[in-house]
Amino acid sequence: MRQRISFIALLFAAMVQAQGLYRLAEIEVHPQYLKEYLAAAAEIQKASLAEEPGVVCLFPTQLKENSTQIRILEIYASQQAYEHHIKTAHFQKYKQGTLHMVKHLKLNDLQPLTPETMTSLFKRFNMKQPTFESLNSPWPKGEPNTGYAQYFIGNSYLADVGGGMHNVTFEPRCRNNWHIHHKQVQVLICVAGRGWYQEWGKEPQEMTPGTIIAIPAEVKHWHGAAKDSWFQHLTYHKDVQEGASNEWLEPVTDEVYDKLQ
């Protein structure tokens, strides 16, 4: 599959910018046939991507608020590739087999705003994403950090390791918002992976296992994972004064984050 995506990226660079066909299919399925339709949609997607180089993307989705509403993003290398697609045996099987399942169908032709970015997009899909297991960390991943999710971009996890200390796990690219600890010092100890710490107005500091940072009270800062690595740090507070609190501020934008290496 990864070789397939690499080929697609090259195909985009050569053909799609000038000749590509982009479409969004809006489909409403009769509720009693939903399970059958989803199986048929998965089958046509698998067959088309496996057998047709001109089918660049065939991506079925459901609306969260109404599962009978299906949206399929279709991208073809050219008009000819689309015409070939609809003549294939697997498409005809899908079409004839789902006619009675579909209550409403609307095909929307799309005009891409930045077709030159599509090669990079598909290359990103081709990247092998690291897993938490690749950290080989002795520290627990913890549970989803739902209590503070609104202050994070990406997914983080939290584990209470005792003694007033917590282990925080960040997936790649995950980071917390800019924030300030009032009347208390926060200590970070990197125990696995690679991440970043930055104070407002200063250069970011890379964190690797063994890095220890004591963040002074009243200093605006953020910390999180590198683009290509999971990241774990232990954290605790010291020199805590009466009335200590955390002030959560704006997110760390992609413009700021993407400059990091």
Protein backbone atom coordinates (compact mmCIF):
# COMPACT_ATOMS: atom_id res chain seq x y z
CA MET A 1 0.00 0.00 0.00
CA ARG A 2 2.86 2.40 0.75
CA GLN A 3 4.34 1.74 -2.70
CA ARG A 4 0.91 2.52 -4.12
CA ILE A 5 0.80 5.89 -2.39
CA SER A 6 4.34 6.74 -3.59
CA PHE A 7 3.20 6.09 -7.15
CA ILE A 8 0.16 8.28 -6.61
CA ALA A 9 2.32 11.17 -5.43
CA LEU A 10 4.39 11.00 -8.64
CA LEU A 11 1.26 10.70 -10.72
CA PHE A 12 -0.13 13.84 -9.15
CA ALA A 13 3.01 15.80 -9.89
CA ALA A 14 2.92 14.86 -13.56
CA MET A 15 -0.77 14.84 -14.39
CA VAL A 16 -3.35 15.93 -11.89
CA GLN A 17 -2.51 19.63 -11.68
CA ALA A 18 -3.54 20.05 -15.31
CA GLN A 19 -5.97 17.19 -15.97
CA GLY A 20 -7.35 15.93 -12.67
CA LEU A 21 -11.03 15.36 -12.00
CA TYR A 22 -12.22 16.12 -8.48
CA ARG A 23 -15.66 15.18 -7.20
CA LEU A 24 -17.67 14.91 -3.99
CA ALA A 25 -20.52 12.40 -4.06
CA GLU A 26 -23.37 13.12 -1.65
CA ILE A 27 -25.33 9.92 -0.96
CA GLU A 28 -28.27 9.19 1.31
CA VAL A 29 -28.79 5.50 2.04
CA HIS A 30 -32.01 3.86 3.16
CA PRO A 31 -31.42 2.97 6.83
CA GLN A 32 -32.35 -0.71 6.39
CA TYR A 33 -29.58 -1.11 3.79
CA LEU A 34 -26.85 0.87 5.55
CA LYS A 35 -24.73 -2.10 6.64
CA GLU A 36 -24.84 -3.62 3.15
CA TYR A 37 -24.01 -0.31 1.51
CA LEU A 38 -20.98 0.31 3.72
CA ALA A 39 -19.63 -3.12 2.80
CA ALA A 40 -20.12 -2.38 -0.90
CA ALA A 41 -18.41 1.03 -0.57
CA ALA A 42 -15.41 -0.56 1.13
CA GLU A 43 -15.21 -3.21 -1.59
CA ILE A 44 -15.28 -0.73 -4.50
CA GLN A 45 -12.67 1.43 -2.78
CA LYS A 46 -10.30 -1.51 -2.29
CA ALA A 47 -10.71 -2.82 -5.84
CA SER A 48 -10.38 0.57 -7.52
CA LEU A 49 -7.18 1.55 -5.69
CA ALA A 50 -5.66 -1.88 -6.25
CA GLU A 51 -6.43 -2.18 -9.96
CA GLU A 52 -6.69 1.34 -11.40
CA PRO A 53 -3.66 3.67 -11.39
CA GLY A 54 -5.90 6.51 -12.55
CA VAL A 55 -8.03 6.37 -9.40
CA VAL A 56 -6.00 8.60 -7.13
CA CYS A 57 -8.46 8.84 -4.25
CA LEU A 58 -11.74 7.13 -3.43
CA PHE A 59 -12.50 7.96 0.19
CA PRO A 60 -15.96 7.18 1.62
CA THR A 61 -17.06 8.84 4.87
CA GLN A 62 -20.21 9.20 7.00
CA LEU A 63 -21.62 12.30 8.62
CA LYS A 64 -21.28 11.92 12.37
CA GLU A 65 -24.71 13.36 13.06
CA ASN A 66 -26.44 11.11 10.49
CA SER A 67 -24.79 7.83 9.53
CA THR A 68 -27.05 7.33 6.51
CA GLN A 69 -25.47 10.39 4.90
CA ILE A 70 -22.41 9.27 2.95
CA ARG A 71 -19.80 11.51 1.36
CA ILE A 72 -17.22 10.10 -1.05
CA LEU A 73 -14.23 12.18 -2.11
CA GLU A 74 -13.19 11.09 -5.60
CA ILE A 75 -10.02 12.19 -7.39
CA TYR A 76 -9.06 10.84 -10.79
CA ALA A 77 -5.87 11.51 -12.71
CA SER A 78 -7.87 12.60 -15.76
CA GLN A 79 -11.29 12.53 -17.37
CA GLN A 80 -10.16 9.43 -19.25
CA ALA A 81 -9.28 7.72 -15.98
CA TYR A 82 -12.79 8.42 -14.68
CA GLU A 83 -14.42 7.10 -17.85
CA HIS A 84 -12.33 3.94 -17.57
CA HIS A 85 -13.31 3.57 -13.91
CA ILE A 86 -17.07 3.60 -14.52
CA LYS A 87 -16.70 0.84 -17.16
CA THR A 88 -14.85 -1.57 -14.87
CA ALA A 89 -16.52 -4.75 -13.64
CA HIS A 90 -16.07 -3.78 -9.99
CA PHE A 91 -17.77 -0.41 -10.51
CA GLN A 92 -20.66 -1.96 -12.43
CA LYS A 93 -21.08 -4.52 -9.63
CA TYR A 94 -21.16 -1.69 -7.08
CA LYS A 95 -23.59 0.41 -9.13
CA GLN A 96 -26.07 -2.35 -9.86
CA GLY A 97 -25.82 -3.84 -6.40
CA THR A 98 -26.53 -0.59 -4.56
CA LEU A 99 -29.22 1.02 -6.74
CA HIS A 100 -32.01 -0.07 -4.40
CA MET A 101 -30.02 1.00 -1.31
CA VAL A 102 -29.56 4.63 -2.34
CA LYS A 103 -32.34 7.12 -1.56
CA HIS A 104 -30.57 10.19 -2.96
CA LEU A 105 -27.41 10.83 -4.99
CA LYS A 106 -25.80 14.10 -5.99
CA LEU A 107 -22.42 14.40 -7.71
CA ASN A 108 -20.59 17.68 -7.09
CA ASP A 109 -17.66 18.55 -9.36
CA LEU A 110 -14.97 20.40 -7.42
CA GLN A 111 -12.34 22.96 -8.34
CA PRO A 112 -9.19 22.58 -6.20
CA LEU A 113 -7.81 25.83 -4.80
CA THR A 114 -4.20 24.63 -4.44
CA PRO A 115 -3.64 21.54 -6.60
CA GLU A 116 0.14 22.02 -6.33
CA THR A 117 -0.02 20.98 -2.66
CA MET A 118 -1.49 17.55 -3.36
CA THR A 119 1.88 15.87 -3.93
CA SER A 120 3.01 16.90 -0.47
CA LEU A 121 -0.28 15.72 0.98
CA PHE A 122 0.08 12.23 -0.40
CA LYS A 123 3.73 12.07 0.58
CA ARG A 124 2.61 12.80 4.13
CA PHE A 125 0.29 9.80 3.98
CA ASN A 126 3.25 7.73 2.81
CA MET A 127 5.32 8.55 5.88
CA LYS A 128 5.67 5.73 8.34
CA GLN A 129 4.15 7.11 11.50
CA PRO A 130 5.89 6.07 14.72
CA THR A 131 3.85 4.14 17.26
CA PHE A 132 3.86 4.49 21.02
CA GLU A 133 5.43 1.04 21.21
CA SER A 134 8.43 2.34 19.25
CA LEU A 135 9.40 4.39 22.33
CA ASN A 136 10.24 1.23 24.30
CA SER A 137 9.40 3.30 27.35
CA PRO A 138 9.19 1.82 30.85
CA TRP A 139 6.73 4.58 31.75
CA PRO A 140 2.99 4.02 31.25
CA LYS A 141 1.17 5.68 28.38
CA GLY A 142 -1.74 6.52 30.66
CA GLU A 143 -5.34 7.34 29.84
CA PRO A 144 -6.57 9.93 27.31
CA ASN A 145 -6.08 13.37 28.80
CA THR A 146 -9.71 14.36 28.32
CA GLY A 147 -9.74 16.81 31.21
CA TYR A 148 -7.27 19.10 29.45
CA ALA A 149 -7.95 18.16 25.81
CA GLN A 150 -9.29 21.63 25.07
CA TYR A 151 -5.82 23.04 25.78
CA PHE A 152 -3.96 20.64 23.45
CA ILE A 153 -3.52 20.23 19.71
CA GLY A 154 -3.42 16.47 19.08
CA ASN A 155 -3.81 13.63 21.55
CA SER A 156 -2.13 13.44 24.94
CA TYR A 157 -2.30 10.89 27.73
CA LEU A 158 -1.90 11.19 31.48
CA ALA A 159 -0.68 8.72 34.11
CA ASP A 160 -0.41 9.35 37.85
CA VAL A 161 2.91 7.77 38.87
CA GLY A 162 2.69 8.73 42.55
CA GLY A 163 4.37 11.26 44.79
CA GLY A 164 2.53 14.17 43.23
CA MET A 165 4.14 13.39 39.86
CA HIS A 166 2.45 12.64 36.55
CA ASN A 167 3.70 11.20 33.31
CA VAL A 168 2.40 12.98 30.21
CA THR A 169 2.55 11.24 26.82
CA PHE A 170 2.25 13.23 23.58
CA GLU A 171 1.65 11.74 20.15
CA PRO A 172 3.73 13.21 17.26
CA ARG A 173 2.91 16.91 16.66
CA CYS A 174 0.86 17.11 19.86
CA ARG A 175 1.53 20.18 21.99
CA ASN A 176 -0.24 22.16 24.67
CA ASN A 177 -1.29 25.80 24.37
CA TRP A 178 0.83 28.63 25.59
CA HIS A 179 0.22 28.83 29.33
CA ILE A 180 1.47 30.35 32.58
CA HIS A 181 1.86 28.79 36.02
CA HIS A 182 1.12 31.44 38.61
CA LYS A 183 2.83 31.23 42.03
CA GLN A 184 4.43 27.84 41.34
CA VAL A 185 7.38 26.31 39.50
CA GLN A 186 6.75 23.45 37.07
CA VAL A 187 9.46 20.83 36.55
CA LEU A 188 9.64 18.76 33.35
CA ILE A 189 11.80 15.63 33.05
CA CYS A 190 11.94 14.02 29.60
CA VAL A 191 11.93 10.23 29.96
CA ALA A 192 11.29 9.03 26.38
CA GLY A 193 11.10 10.27 22.81
CA ARG A 194 11.79 13.77 21.59
CA GLY A 195 9.96 17.01 22.17
CA TRP A 196 10.18 20.77 22.52
CA TYR A 197 9.93 23.44 25.21
CA GLN A 198 9.70 27.13 24.44
CA GLU A 199 9.33 30.30 26.48
CA TRP A 200 7.66 33.36 25.02
CA GLY A 201 10.19 35.47 23.11
CA LYS A 202 12.94 32.83 23.29
CA GLU A 203 14.27 30.10 21.03
CA PRO A 204 12.72 26.61 21.43
CA GLN A 205 14.71 24.04 23.38
CA GLU A 206 14.83 20.40 22.29
CA MET A 207 13.98 17.83 24.95
CA THR A 208 15.41 14.30 24.88
CA PRO A 209 15.65 11.67 27.63
CA GLY A 210 17.43 13.19 30.61
CA THR A 211 16.51 16.81 29.83
CA ILE A 212 15.25 18.59 32.95
CA ILE A 213 13.61 22.01 32.83
CA ALA A 214 12.40 24.04 35.79
CA ILE A 215 9.89 26.59 34.52
CA PRO A 216 9.79 29.73 36.66
CA ALA A 217 6.45 31.03 37.83
CA GLU A 218 4.80 33.68 35.65
CA VAL A 219 6.64 32.58 32.47
CA LYS A 220 4.54 32.05 29.35
CA HIS A 221 5.57 28.80 27.64
CA TRP A 222 4.49 25.61 25.87
CA HIS A 223 5.83 22.06 25.47
CA GLY A 224 5.02 19.10 23.26
CA ALA A 225 6.21 16.37 20.92
CA ALA A 226 8.40 16.64 17.83
CA LYS A 227 6.80 16.09 14.43
CA ASP A 228 8.24 12.59 14.05
CA SER A 229 8.33 11.24 17.58
CA TRP A 230 6.19 10.36 20.55
CA PHE A 231 7.27 12.20 23.68
CA GLN A 232 6.99 11.57 27.40
CA HIS A 233 7.86 13.79 30.30
CA LEU A 234 7.31 13.59 34.01
CA THR A 235 5.96 16.73 35.61
CA TYR A 236 5.43 18.09 39.10
CA HIS A 237 5.17 21.47 40.81
CA LYS A 238 7.36 22.92 43.54
CA ASP A 239 7.57 26.17 45.49
CA VAL A 240 3.80 26.26 45.39
CA GLN A 241 2.37 29.36 47.03
CA GLU A 242 -1.14 30.08 48.22
CA GLY A 243 -3.41 30.94 45.31
CA ALA A 244 -1.33 29.03 42.75
CA SER A 245 -3.09 28.48 39.42
CA ASN A 246 -2.65 27.77 35.73
CA GLU A 247 -3.62 30.24 33.02
CA TRP A 248 -4.25 28.67 29.61
CA LEU A 249 -3.73 30.91 26.60
CA GLU A 250 -3.75 30.68 22.80
CA PRO A 251 -2.72 27.55 20.84
CA VAL A 252 0.74 27.16 19.33
CA THR A 253 -0.01 27.75 15.65
CA ASP A 254 1.21 25.53 12.83
CA GLU A 255 3.20 28.54 11.57
CA VAL A 256 5.22 28.52 14.78
CA TYR A 257 5.37 24.76 15.24
CA ASP A 258 6.31 23.84 11.66
CA LYS A 259 9.53 25.86 11.90
CA LEU A 260 10.86 23.31 14.39
CA GLN A 261 13.10 20.54 13.15
